[in-house]
């Protein structure tokens, strides 16, 4: 998968993951309101829409997680750094340059 496609999929996945719970809460609230005023058909329709929104939210979470994993695998590995001990050992074992004493500064 190329990078723009991964970025686009990740953007859509994050957007859906953040917005679908809001939609779910609004639809459930509307269903409760319709049930309270006596509209059983509207409450049942909202209940089914909430079920669809909840399923879509779960799918969005899974897709976002998988896309994030793909994006991380697509990155180049970070450059290797020497650990402190190895750098110190190399600095201590390196002989001083011509005309230099170990404590002398280069200028």
N, C-alpha and C. Protein backbone atom coordinates (compact mmCIF):
# COMPACT_ATOMS: atom_id res chain seq x y z
N UNK A 1 0.85 -1.18 0.00
CA UNK A 1 0.00 0.00 0.00
C UNK A 1 0.89 1.23 0.00
N UNK A 2 0.55 2.23 -0.80
CA UNK A 2 1.39 3.42 -0.84
C UNK A 2 1.02 4.38 0.28
N UNK A 3 1.90 5.33 0.52
CA UNK A 3 1.76 6.21 1.68
C UNK A 3 0.51 7.09 1.64
N UNK A 4 0.15 7.72 0.51
CA UNK A 4 -1.06 8.54 0.54
C UNK A 4 -2.32 7.72 0.85
N UNK A 5 -2.39 6.49 0.38
CA UNK A 5 -3.55 5.64 0.67
C UNK A 5 -3.62 5.29 2.15
N UNK A 6 -2.46 5.03 2.76
CA UNK A 6 -2.43 4.72 4.19
C UNK A 6 -2.86 5.94 4.99
N UNK A 7 -2.34 7.13 4.60
CA UNK A 7 -2.70 8.35 5.32
C UNK A 7 -4.19 8.64 5.19
N UNK A 8 -4.74 8.45 3.99
CA UNK A 8 -6.17 8.70 3.78
C UNK A 8 -7.01 7.72 4.59
N UNK A 9 -6.65 6.45 4.57
CA UNK A 9 -7.39 5.45 5.34
C UNK A 9 -7.31 5.73 6.83
N UNK A 10 -6.14 6.15 7.29
CA UNK A 10 -5.97 6.47 8.70
C UNK A 10 -6.79 7.69 9.10
N UNK A 11 -6.82 8.69 8.23
CA UNK A 11 -7.62 9.89 8.50
C UNK A 11 -9.10 9.55 8.59
N UNK A 12 -9.60 8.76 7.64
CA UNK A 12 -11.01 8.36 7.67
C UNK A 12 -11.31 7.48 8.89
N UNK A 13 -10.40 6.59 9.22
CA UNK A 13 -10.61 5.72 10.36
C UNK A 13 -10.67 6.47 11.68
N UNK A 14 -9.76 7.42 11.85
CA UNK A 14 -9.76 8.22 13.08
C UNK A 14 -11.02 9.08 13.16
N UNK A 15 -11.40 9.67 12.03
CA UNK A 15 -12.61 10.49 12.00
C UNK A 15 -13.84 9.66 12.37
N UNK A 16 -13.96 8.50 11.77
CA UNK A 16 -15.11 7.63 12.09
C UNK A 16 -15.07 7.16 13.54
N UNK A 17 -13.88 6.85 14.03
CA UNK A 17 -13.75 6.38 15.40
C UNK A 17 -14.15 7.47 16.40
N UNK A 18 -13.89 8.71 16.07
CA UNK A 18 -14.23 9.80 16.97
C UNK A 18 -15.68 10.28 16.83
N UNK A 19 -16.24 10.21 15.63
CA UNK A 19 -17.58 10.75 15.42
C UNK A 19 -18.72 9.75 15.62
N UNK A 20 -18.47 8.48 15.38
CA UNK A 20 -19.54 7.50 15.51
C UNK A 20 -20.10 7.36 16.93
N UNK A 21 -19.32 7.49 17.98
CA UNK A 21 -19.93 7.44 19.32
C UNK A 21 -20.89 8.61 19.56
N UNK A 22 -20.59 9.75 18.97
CA UNK A 22 -21.50 10.90 19.10
C UNK A 22 -22.81 10.61 18.40
N UNK A 23 -22.70 10.06 17.17
CA UNK A 23 -23.90 9.70 16.42
C UNK A 23 -24.70 8.65 17.20
N UNK A 24 -24.01 7.69 17.76
CA UNK A 24 -24.66 6.64 18.54
C UNK A 24 -25.42 7.22 19.73
N UNK A 25 -24.80 8.14 20.44
CA UNK A 25 -25.46 8.75 21.60
C UNK A 25 -26.68 9.57 21.19
N UNK A 26 -26.59 10.29 20.08
CA UNK A 26 -27.72 11.10 19.61
C UNK A 26 -28.88 10.20 19.20
N UNK A 27 -28.58 9.13 18.46
CA UNK A 27 -29.64 8.23 18.00
C UNK A 27 -30.29 7.51 19.18
N UNK A 28 -29.48 7.08 20.15
CA UNK A 28 -30.07 6.44 21.34
C UNK A 28 -30.93 7.42 22.15
N UNK A 29 -30.46 8.65 22.25
CA UNK A 29 -31.25 9.67 22.95
C UNK A 29 -32.55 9.97 22.23
N UNK A 30 -32.50 10.07 20.93
CA UNK A 30 -33.71 10.31 20.14
C UNK A 30 -34.68 9.14 20.27
N UNK A 31 -34.13 7.93 20.25
CA UNK A 31 -34.98 6.75 20.43
C UNK A 31 -35.66 6.74 21.79
N UNK A 32 -34.92 7.12 22.83
CA UNK A 32 -35.52 7.21 24.16
C UNK A 32 -36.60 8.27 24.23
N UNK A 33 -36.37 9.40 23.58
CA UNK A 33 -37.37 10.48 23.55
C UNK A 33 -38.62 10.05 22.80
N UNK A 34 -38.42 9.39 21.65
CA UNK A 34 -39.58 8.93 20.88
C UNK A 34 -40.35 7.86 21.65
N UNK A 35 -39.64 7.00 22.36
CA UNK A 35 -40.33 5.99 23.17
C UNK A 35 -41.12 6.63 24.30
N UNK A 36 -40.60 7.72 24.88
CA UNK A 36 -41.27 8.39 25.99
C UNK A 36 -42.54 9.11 25.55
N UNK A 37 -42.57 9.58 24.31
CA UNK A 37 -43.78 10.27 23.84
C UNK A 37 -44.78 9.32 23.19
N UNK A 38 -44.43 8.04 23.14
CA UNK A 38 -45.39 7.06 22.65
C UNK A 38 -45.21 6.63 21.21
N UNK A 39 -44.13 7.02 20.55
CA UNK A 39 -43.89 6.61 19.17
C UNK A 39 -43.03 5.34 19.17
N UNK A 40 -43.70 4.20 19.24
CA UNK A 40 -42.99 2.92 19.34
C UNK A 40 -42.24 2.59 18.06
N UNK A 41 -42.83 2.92 16.91
CA UNK A 41 -42.17 2.63 15.62
C UNK A 41 -40.90 3.46 15.47
N UNK A 42 -40.96 4.73 15.85
CA UNK A 42 -39.77 5.60 15.77
C UNK A 42 -38.68 5.14 16.73
N UNK A 43 -39.09 4.72 17.93
CA UNK A 43 -38.12 4.23 18.91
C UNK A 43 -37.44 2.95 18.42
N UNK A 44 -38.23 2.08 17.77
CA UNK A 44 -37.66 0.83 17.25
C UNK A 44 -36.70 1.12 16.10
N UNK A 45 -37.06 2.08 15.24
CA UNK A 45 -36.18 2.45 14.13
C UNK A 45 -34.87 3.05 14.65
N UNK A 46 -34.97 3.89 15.67
CA UNK A 46 -33.76 4.47 16.27
C UNK A 46 -32.90 3.39 16.92
N UNK A 47 -33.55 2.41 17.52
CA UNK A 47 -32.82 1.31 18.13
C UNK A 47 -32.03 0.53 17.08
N UNK A 48 -32.65 0.31 15.95
CA UNK A 48 -31.94 -0.42 14.88
C UNK A 48 -30.83 0.43 14.28
N UNK A 49 -31.06 1.72 14.13
CA UNK A 49 -30.00 2.61 13.62
C UNK A 49 -28.83 2.66 14.61
N UNK A 50 -29.14 2.63 15.90
CA UNK A 50 -28.08 2.63 16.92
C UNK A 50 -27.27 1.34 16.84
N UNK A 51 -27.94 0.23 16.56
CA UNK A 51 -27.24 -1.04 16.41
C UNK A 51 -26.27 -0.98 15.22
N UNK A 52 -26.73 -0.40 14.12
CA UNK A 52 -25.88 -0.25 12.93
C UNK A 52 -24.71 0.70 13.23
N UNK A 53 -24.99 1.81 13.92
CA UNK A 53 -23.93 2.76 14.26
C UNK A 53 -22.90 2.13 15.20
N UNK A 54 -23.36 1.33 16.15
CA UNK A 54 -22.44 0.64 17.05
C UNK A 54 -21.55 -0.35 16.33
N UNK A 55 -22.15 -1.10 15.40
CA UNK A 55 -21.36 -2.05 14.61
C UNK A 55 -20.34 -1.32 13.74
N UNK A 56 -20.77 -0.21 13.14
CA UNK A 56 -19.85 0.59 12.31
C UNK A 56 -18.72 1.16 13.16
N UNK A 57 -19.01 1.52 14.39
CA UNK A 57 -17.98 2.05 15.29
C UNK A 57 -16.95 0.98 15.60
N UNK A 58 -17.40 -0.24 15.88
CA UNK A 58 -16.46 -1.32 16.14
C UNK A 58 -15.58 -1.62 14.92
N UNK A 59 -16.20 -1.60 13.74
CA UNK A 59 -15.42 -1.82 12.52
C UNK A 59 -14.41 -0.70 12.33
N UNK A 60 -14.82 0.54 12.62
CA UNK A 60 -13.90 1.68 12.47
C UNK A 60 -12.71 1.55 13.42
N UNK A 61 -12.95 1.07 14.63
CA UNK A 61 -11.85 0.89 15.58
C UNK A 61 -10.87 -0.17 15.08
N UNK A 62 -11.39 -1.27 14.57
CA UNK A 62 -10.51 -2.35 14.07
C UNK A 62 -9.74 -1.88 12.84
N UNK A 63 -10.41 -1.19 11.93
CA UNK A 63 -9.73 -0.70 10.72
C UNK A 63 -8.67 0.33 11.07
N UNK A 64 -8.98 1.21 12.00
CA UNK A 64 -7.99 2.22 12.41
C UNK A 64 -6.77 1.57 13.05
N UNK A 65 -6.99 0.55 13.85
CA UNK A 65 -5.87 -0.15 14.48
C UNK A 65 -5.00 -0.84 13.42
N UNK A 66 -5.64 -1.51 12.48
CA UNK A 66 -4.87 -2.20 11.43
C UNK A 66 -4.13 -1.20 10.54
N UNK A 67 -4.77 -0.08 10.23
CA UNK A 67 -4.13 0.93 9.40
C UNK A 67 -2.95 1.57 10.13
N UNK A 68 -3.09 1.78 11.43
CA UNK A 68 -1.98 2.31 12.21
C UNK A 68 -0.80 1.34 12.19
N UNK A 69 -1.09 0.06 12.30
CA UNK A 69 -0.01 -0.94 12.23
C UNK A 69 0.67 -0.91 10.87
N UNK A 70 -0.10 -0.78 9.80
CA UNK A 70 0.48 -0.69 8.46
C UNK A 70 1.34 0.56 8.31
N UNK A 71 0.86 1.67 8.87
CA UNK A 71 1.63 2.92 8.78
C UNK A 71 2.95 2.80 9.54
N UNK A 72 2.93 2.14 10.68
CA UNK A 72 4.17 1.96 11.44
C UNK A 72 5.13 1.01 10.74
N UNK A 73 4.60 -0.02 10.10
CA UNK A 73 5.47 -0.96 9.38
C UNK A 73 6.03 -0.35 8.11
N UNK A 74 5.37 0.66 7.57
CA UNK A 74 5.81 1.29 6.33
C UNK A 74 6.94 2.29 6.56
N UNK A 75 7.17 2.71 7.80
CA UNK A 75 8.22 3.68 8.08
C UNK A 75 9.59 3.02 8.01
N UNK A 76 10.61 3.79 7.58
CA UNK A 76 11.96 3.23 7.60
C UNK A 76 12.45 3.10 9.04
N UNK A 77 13.33 2.15 9.29
CA UNK A 77 13.82 1.99 10.67
C UNK A 77 14.67 3.19 11.08
N UNK A 78 14.68 3.52 12.36
CA UNK A 78 15.49 4.66 12.81
C UNK A 78 16.97 4.33 12.69
N UNK A 79 17.82 5.36 12.55
CA UNK A 79 19.26 5.08 12.45
C UNK A 79 19.78 4.51 13.76
N UNK A 80 20.74 3.62 13.63
CA UNK A 80 21.31 3.00 14.83
C UNK A 80 22.22 3.98 15.53
N UNK A 81 22.11 4.01 16.83
CA UNK A 81 22.98 4.86 17.63
C UNK A 81 23.83 3.97 18.52
N UNK A 82 25.04 4.38 18.71
CA UNK A 82 25.92 3.62 19.61
C UNK A 82 25.48 3.88 21.04
N UNK A 83 25.54 2.86 21.85
CA UNK A 83 25.19 3.08 23.25
C UNK A 83 26.33 3.80 23.96
N UNK A 84 26.07 4.31 25.15
CA UNK A 84 27.04 5.15 25.86
C UNK A 84 28.35 4.43 26.14
N UNK A 85 28.27 3.19 26.59
CA UNK A 85 29.49 2.47 26.93
C UNK A 85 30.39 2.31 25.72
N UNK A 86 29.78 1.96 24.60
CA UNK A 86 30.58 1.73 23.40
C UNK A 86 31.23 3.03 22.93
N UNK A 87 30.48 4.15 22.97
CA UNK A 87 31.06 5.43 22.56
C UNK A 87 32.21 5.81 23.49
N UNK A 88 32.01 5.61 24.79
CA UNK A 88 33.05 5.96 25.77
C UNK A 88 34.30 5.11 25.55
N UNK A 89 34.07 3.80 25.34
CA UNK A 89 35.20 2.89 25.11
C UNK A 89 35.97 3.30 23.86
N UNK A 90 35.25 3.64 22.78
CA UNK A 90 35.93 4.05 21.55
C UNK A 90 36.69 5.35 21.75
N UNK A 91 36.13 6.26 22.55
CA UNK A 91 36.81 7.53 22.80
C UNK A 91 38.08 7.30 23.62
N UNK A 92 38.01 6.37 24.59
CA UNK A 92 39.19 6.10 25.42
C UNK A 92 40.26 5.35 24.65
N UNK A 93 39.88 4.48 23.73
CA UNK A 93 40.86 3.68 22.99
C UNK A 93 41.44 4.44 21.80
N UNK A 94 40.83 5.53 21.40
CA UNK A 94 41.31 6.28 20.24
C UNK A 94 42.60 7.00 20.63
N UNK A 95 43.67 6.79 19.88
CA UNK A 95 44.92 7.48 20.21
C UNK A 95 44.80 8.98 19.88
N UNK A 96 45.50 9.81 20.64
CA UNK A 96 45.46 11.24 20.32
C UNK A 96 46.14 11.51 18.99
N UNK A 97 45.76 12.62 18.34
CA UNK A 97 46.34 12.97 17.04
C UNK A 97 47.78 13.41 17.17
N UNK A 98 48.41 13.74 16.04
CA UNK A 98 49.80 14.16 16.04
C UNK A 98 49.97 15.45 16.81
N UNK A 99 50.90 15.49 17.72
CA UNK A 99 51.20 16.69 18.47
C UNK A 99 50.18 16.99 19.55
N UNK A 100 49.29 16.09 19.83
CA UNK A 100 48.28 16.33 20.85
C UNK A 100 48.59 15.53 22.09
N UNK A 101 48.31 16.13 23.18
CA UNK A 101 48.34 15.41 24.43
C UNK A 101 46.91 15.04 24.76
N UNK A 102 46.69 14.01 25.58
CA UNK A 102 45.33 13.58 25.86
C UNK A 102 44.42 14.69 26.41
N UNK A 103 44.92 15.62 27.21
CA UNK A 103 44.09 16.67 27.78
C UNK A 103 44.08 17.95 26.95
N UNK A 104 44.79 17.99 25.85
CA UNK A 104 44.93 19.19 25.06
C UNK A 104 43.73 19.40 24.15
N UNK A 105 43.36 20.68 23.98
CA UNK A 105 42.23 21.00 23.09
C UNK A 105 42.73 21.25 21.68
N UNK A 106 41.83 20.94 20.75
CA UNK A 106 42.15 21.30 19.36
C UNK A 106 41.73 22.73 19.14
N UNK A 107 42.48 23.48 18.44
CA UNK A 107 42.11 24.88 18.27
C UNK A 107 42.31 25.39 16.97
